[in-house]
Amino acid sequence: MGSPDRRDAAVVSRVERAYQGLRKAIIDGDFPPGSPLRVDRLGRAYGVSLIPIREALRKLEVERLVEAIPNKGVRVAPISLDDLQDVYATRITLELQALRQAWPRMDRRFITEVRGVRRRMVDSLREPDPTSAYELHRQVHFAIYERSESPWLMHLIEILWSHTERYRRLVARLGTFIDEGRDLHGRILDAIADRDLKGACSALQRDLERTPNLILAAEELVTPRKSGENQDPLPIT
């Protein structure tokens, strides 16, 4: 029998494998919004016992990618217009604050490094598989936010960033992500280089508003509702 430390490490590894696999499947749309997640089936699919699956689902619930329904089990969190507007309004508040707190600690060397990441992001967005572009996009934003040196801001931004990944993937289907994203990220960095805090905040806010605005404007992605009706999930499959 292995030592307790090795057994614990093995459990953590299985939880992380199940978590990463489930998270990717949800973000990629393999498990559509609102679909039930059966613990036993997931255990067989990922080759782990029920305990790692339950722990993985708890982590995803913190990110609000899944939700537990009393007496019904766990399902993929629905996507809705109300959620879209609420989560992006919250992101704008937190990420602008992170930018302001980071402002004194962004020098020329930092700007040069982030511009390099942005160029790689733009190049990656033109590739058939945009997976690396999504990660580079994250690196551009978080390079700025991490300079805030605020653990709480980073913790909250991380949670909201994970939750909104599905919305960003939805925008990518509209075919407008490359040009507008490149322009706005460039404007953020140009404003930082010019020491124009107001301009940097304005460009960042416009960048964050772009996703909800594009989704709201896309008639084929939004199910209209009558006054007083409950918000229907966006029809994503």
Protein backbone atom coordinates (compact mmCIF):
# COMPACT_ATOMS: atom_id res chain seq x y z
CA MET A 1 0.00 0.00 0.00
CA GLY A 2 1.30 3.46 -0.87
CA SER A 3 1.97 6.17 1.64
CA PRO A 4 -0.86 8.58 2.63
CA ASP A 5 0.89 11.41 0.77
CA ARG A 6 0.99 9.39 -2.44
CA ARG A 7 -2.65 8.36 -2.08
CA ASP A 8 -3.67 11.98 -1.50
CA ALA A 9 -1.66 13.11 -4.52
CA ALA A 10 -3.34 10.44 -6.66
CA VAL A 11 -6.81 11.63 -5.57
CA VAL A 12 -5.91 15.25 -6.34
CA SER A 13 -4.65 14.18 -9.76
CA ARG A 14 -7.89 12.33 -10.54
CA VAL A 15 -9.98 15.30 -9.38
CA GLU A 16 -7.94 17.69 -11.52
CA ARG A 17 -8.23 15.41 -14.56
CA ALA A 18 -11.99 15.17 -14.17
CA TYR A 19 -12.29 18.91 -13.51
CA GLN A 20 -10.25 19.95 -16.54
CA GLY A 21 -12.06 17.46 -18.79
CA LEU A 22 -15.52 18.51 -17.65
CA ARG A 23 -14.69 22.20 -17.81
CA LYS A 24 -13.44 21.92 -21.38
CA ALA A 25 -16.49 19.89 -22.42
CA ILE A 26 -18.85 22.50 -20.94
CA ILE A 27 -17.03 25.45 -22.50
CA ASP A 28 -16.78 23.69 -25.88
CA GLY A 29 -20.51 22.95 -25.80
CA ASP A 30 -20.22 19.17 -25.59
CA PHE A 31 -22.52 19.48 -22.59
CA PRO A 32 -25.04 22.18 -23.64
CA PRO A 33 -26.45 24.70 -21.14
CA GLY A 34 -29.13 23.11 -18.96
CA SER A 35 -28.11 19.52 -19.68
CA PRO A 36 -28.03 17.11 -16.70
CA LEU A 37 -24.70 15.75 -15.47
CA ARG A 38 -24.99 12.19 -14.13
CA VAL A 39 -22.20 11.41 -11.69
CA ASP A 40 -22.10 7.69 -12.50
CA ARG A 41 -21.93 8.29 -16.25
CA LEU A 42 -19.24 10.92 -15.85
CA GLY A 43 -17.21 8.54 -13.69
CA ARG A 44 -17.28 5.92 -16.43
CA ALA A 45 -16.51 8.49 -19.12
CA TYR A 46 -13.44 9.87 -17.31
CA GLY A 47 -12.32 6.58 -15.79
CA VAL A 48 -12.49 7.70 -12.17
CA SER A 49 -14.60 6.94 -9.12
CA LEU A 50 -17.54 9.03 -7.95
CA ILE A 51 -15.51 11.01 -5.40
CA PRO A 52 -13.27 12.82 -7.95
CA ILE A 53 -16.31 13.57 -10.11
CA ARG A 54 -18.18 15.10 -7.17
CA GLU A 55 -15.14 17.19 -6.22
CA ALA A 56 -14.74 18.33 -9.82
CA LEU A 57 -18.39 19.35 -9.94
CA ARG A 58 -17.98 21.34 -6.72
CA LYS A 59 -15.11 23.28 -8.31
CA LEU A 60 -17.21 23.95 -11.39
CA GLU A 61 -20.09 25.09 -9.20
CA VAL A 62 -17.82 27.74 -7.66
CA GLU A 63 -17.22 29.01 -11.21
CA ARG A 64 -20.99 28.89 -11.80
CA LEU A 65 -20.47 26.63 -14.79
CA VAL A 66 -22.72 24.01 -13.17
CA GLU A 67 -25.49 24.26 -10.64
CA ALA A 68 -26.97 21.82 -8.14
CA ILE A 69 -30.76 21.55 -8.22
CA PRO A 70 -32.35 20.21 -4.99
CA ASN A 71 -33.75 16.70 -5.48
CA LYS A 72 -32.74 16.73 -9.15
CA GLY A 73 -28.95 16.59 -9.25
CA VAL A 74 -26.45 18.72 -11.13
CA ARG A 75 -26.82 20.39 -14.52
CA VAL A 76 -24.77 22.66 -16.73
CA ALA A 77 -25.58 26.26 -15.80
CA PRO A 78 -27.95 27.87 -18.30
CA ILE A 79 -26.82 30.81 -20.41
CA SER A 80 -29.21 33.74 -20.33
CA LEU A 81 -29.37 37.39 -21.25
CA ASP A 82 -29.85 38.35 -17.61
CA ASP A 83 -26.72 36.44 -16.61
CA LEU A 84 -24.79 37.87 -19.56
CA GLN A 85 -25.52 41.47 -18.59
CA ASP A 86 -25.05 40.91 -14.87
CA VAL A 87 -21.72 39.11 -15.08
CA TYR A 88 -20.23 41.58 -17.56
CA ALA A 89 -21.34 44.58 -15.52
CA THR A 90 -19.55 43.02 -12.55
CA ARG A 91 -16.46 42.26 -14.62
CA ILE A 92 -16.27 45.86 -15.80
CA THR A 93 -16.34 47.14 -12.22
CA LEU A 94 -13.64 44.76 -11.00
CA GLU A 95 -11.34 44.87 -14.01
CA LEU A 96 -11.34 48.65 -14.25
CA GLN A 97 -10.44 48.76 -10.57
CA ALA A 98 -7.60 46.29 -11.19
CA LEU A 99 -6.32 48.48 -14.03
CA ARG A 100 -6.36 51.57 -11.81
CA GLN A 101 -4.49 49.79 -9.02
CA ALA A 102 -1.97 48.38 -11.51
CA TRP A 103 -1.34 51.78 -13.09
CA PRO A 104 1.79 52.81 -11.10
CA ARG A 105 3.48 49.45 -11.80
CA MET A 106 3.26 49.28 -15.62
CA ASP A 107 6.53 50.48 -17.13
CA ARG A 108 7.90 50.49 -20.69
CA ARG A 109 9.38 47.02 -20.39
CA PHE A 110 6.05 45.65 -19.22
CA ILE A 111 4.22 47.28 -22.15
CA THR A 112 6.71 45.83 -24.65
CA GLU A 113 6.24 42.34 -23.22
CA VAL A 114 2.44 42.52 -23.30
CA ARG A 115 2.47 43.89 -26.84
CA GLY A 116 4.43 40.80 -27.81
CA VAL A 117 1.76 38.56 -26.30
CA ARG A 118 -0.93 40.54 -28.11
CA ARG A 119 0.81 40.07 -31.47
CA ARG A 120 0.96 36.32 -30.87
CA MET A 121 -2.73 36.37 -29.93
CA VAL A 122 -3.69 38.09 -33.18
CA ASP A 123 -1.62 35.59 -35.20
CA SER A 124 -3.18 32.66 -33.34
CA LEU A 125 -6.71 33.93 -33.95
CA ARG A 126 -6.15 33.39 -37.66
CA GLU A 127 -5.27 29.73 -37.20
CA PRO A 128 -7.89 26.97 -37.73
CA ASP A 129 -7.69 25.98 -34.05
CA PRO A 130 -8.05 29.09 -31.85
CA THR A 131 -7.22 27.30 -28.58
CA SER A 132 -3.88 29.04 -28.11
CA ALA A 133 -5.48 32.39 -28.98
CA TYR A 134 -7.91 32.07 -26.08
CA GLU A 135 -5.03 31.49 -23.65
CA LEU A 136 -2.99 34.37 -25.08
CA HIS A 137 -6.04 36.63 -24.83
CA ARG A 138 -6.25 35.74 -21.16
CA GLN A 139 -2.55 36.45 -20.71
CA VAL A 140 -2.92 39.96 -22.14
CA HIS A 141 -5.65 40.85 -19.66
CA PHE A 142 -4.18 39.12 -16.62
CA ALA A 143 -0.73 40.60 -17.16
CA ILE A 144 -2.38 43.95 -16.44
CA TYR A 145 -4.60 42.81 -13.59
CA GLU A 146 -1.81 40.99 -11.76
CA ARG A 147 0.04 44.30 -11.44
CA SER A 148 -2.76 45.42 -9.11
CA GLU A 149 -1.15 43.21 -6.45
CA SER A 150 -4.61 42.53 -5.02
CA PRO A 151 -5.22 38.84 -4.20
CA TRP A 152 -8.95 39.42 -3.73
CA LEU A 153 -9.39 41.24 -7.03
CA MET A 154 -7.49 38.46 -8.82
CA HIS A 155 -9.56 35.77 -7.12
CA LEU A 156 -12.86 37.35 -8.12
CA ILE A 157 -11.73 38.19 -11.65
CA GLU A 158 -10.54 34.59 -12.13
CA ILE A 159 -13.98 33.24 -11.18
CA LEU A 160 -15.84 35.63 -13.48
CA TRP A 161 -13.39 35.06 -16.33
CA SER A 162 -14.01 31.30 -16.14
CA HIS A 163 -17.76 31.79 -16.04
CA THR A 164 -17.78 34.04 -19.12
CA GLU A 165 -15.62 31.78 -21.28
CA ARG A 166 -18.77 30.34 -22.92
CA TYR A 167 -19.91 33.81 -23.91
CA ARG A 168 -16.54 34.59 -25.48
CA ARG A 169 -16.71 31.34 -27.46
CA LEU A 170 -20.18 32.34 -28.62
CA VAL A 171 -18.89 35.69 -29.88
CA ALA A 172 -16.11 33.90 -31.76
CA ARG A 173 -18.83 32.21 -33.86
CA LEU A 174 -19.95 35.61 -35.11
CA GLY A 175 -16.71 36.15 -37.02
CA THR A 176 -16.04 39.62 -35.57
CA PHE A 177 -13.66 38.72 -32.75
CA ILE A 178 -10.36 39.13 -34.60
CA ASP A 179 -10.54 42.69 -35.93
CA GLU A 180 -12.36 44.35 -33.06
CA GLY A 181 -10.43 42.46 -30.40
CA ARG A 182 -7.11 43.38 -31.98
CA ASP A 183 -8.05 47.05 -32.23
CA LEU A 184 -9.30 47.42 -28.67
CA HIS A 185 -6.43 45.53 -27.05
CA GLY A 186 -4.04 47.71 -29.02
CA ARG A 187 -5.80 50.84 -27.81
CA ILE A 188 -5.56 49.70 -24.19
CA LEU A 189 -1.81 49.20 -24.50
CA ASP A 190 -1.30 52.43 -26.46
CA ALA A 191 -3.11 54.37 -23.74
CA ILE A 192 -0.98 52.72 -21.05
CA ALA A 193 2.16 53.65 -23.01
CA ASP A 194 0.93 57.27 -23.26
CA ARG A 195 0.14 57.30 -19.52
CA ASP A 196 -3.48 58.05 -20.35
CA LEU A 197 -5.41 56.34 -17.57
CA LYS A 198 -8.78 57.66 -18.70
CA GLY A 199 -8.15 56.42 -22.25
CA ALA A 200 -6.98 53.01 -21.02
CA CYS A 201 -10.08 52.61 -18.84
CA SER A 202 -12.33 53.65 -21.71
CA ALA A 203 -10.72 51.16 -24.12
CA LEU A 204 -10.89 48.35 -21.55
CA GLN A 205 -14.56 49.04 -20.82
CA ARG A 206 -15.35 49.03 -24.55
CA ASP A 207 -13.50 45.73 -24.90
CA LEU A 208 -15.52 44.19 -22.07
CA GLU A 209 -18.80 45.59 -23.39
CA ARG A 210 -18.17 44.16 -26.86
CA THR A 211 -19.12 40.58 -25.99
CA PRO A 212 -22.57 41.31 -24.50
CA ASN A 213 -23.27 43.91 -27.18
CA LEU A 214 -22.49 41.52 -30.02
CA ILE A 215 -24.57 38.74 -28.49
CA LEU A 216 -27.53 41.05 -27.87
CA ALA A 217 -27.32 42.32 -31.46
CA ALA A 218 -27.21 38.83 -32.99
CA GLU A 219 -30.85 37.95 -33.65
CA GLU A 220 -30.05 34.34 -34.52
CA LEU A 221 -28.48 33.81 -31.07
CA VAL A 222 -31.11 35.46 -28.93
CA THR A 223 -34.59 34.22 -28.15
CA PRO A 224 -36.83 37.28 -27.70
CA ARG A 225 -39.12 37.29 -24.69
CA LYS A 226 -42.41 38.97 -23.96
CA SER A 227 -42.71 41.36 -21.07
CA GLY A 228 -42.99 39.51 -17.78
CA GLU A 229 -41.74 36.17 -19.11
CA ASN A 230 -38.85 34.33 -17.51
CA GLN A 231 -35.54 34.67 -19.34
CA ASP A 232 -34.97 31.75 -21.71
CA PRO A 233 -31.48 30.38 -22.16
CA LEU A 234 -29.68 31.36 -25.34
CA PRO A 235 -30.14 28.59 -27.91
CA ILE A 236 -26.64 27.15 -27.91
CA THR A 237 -26.10 23.54 -28.83
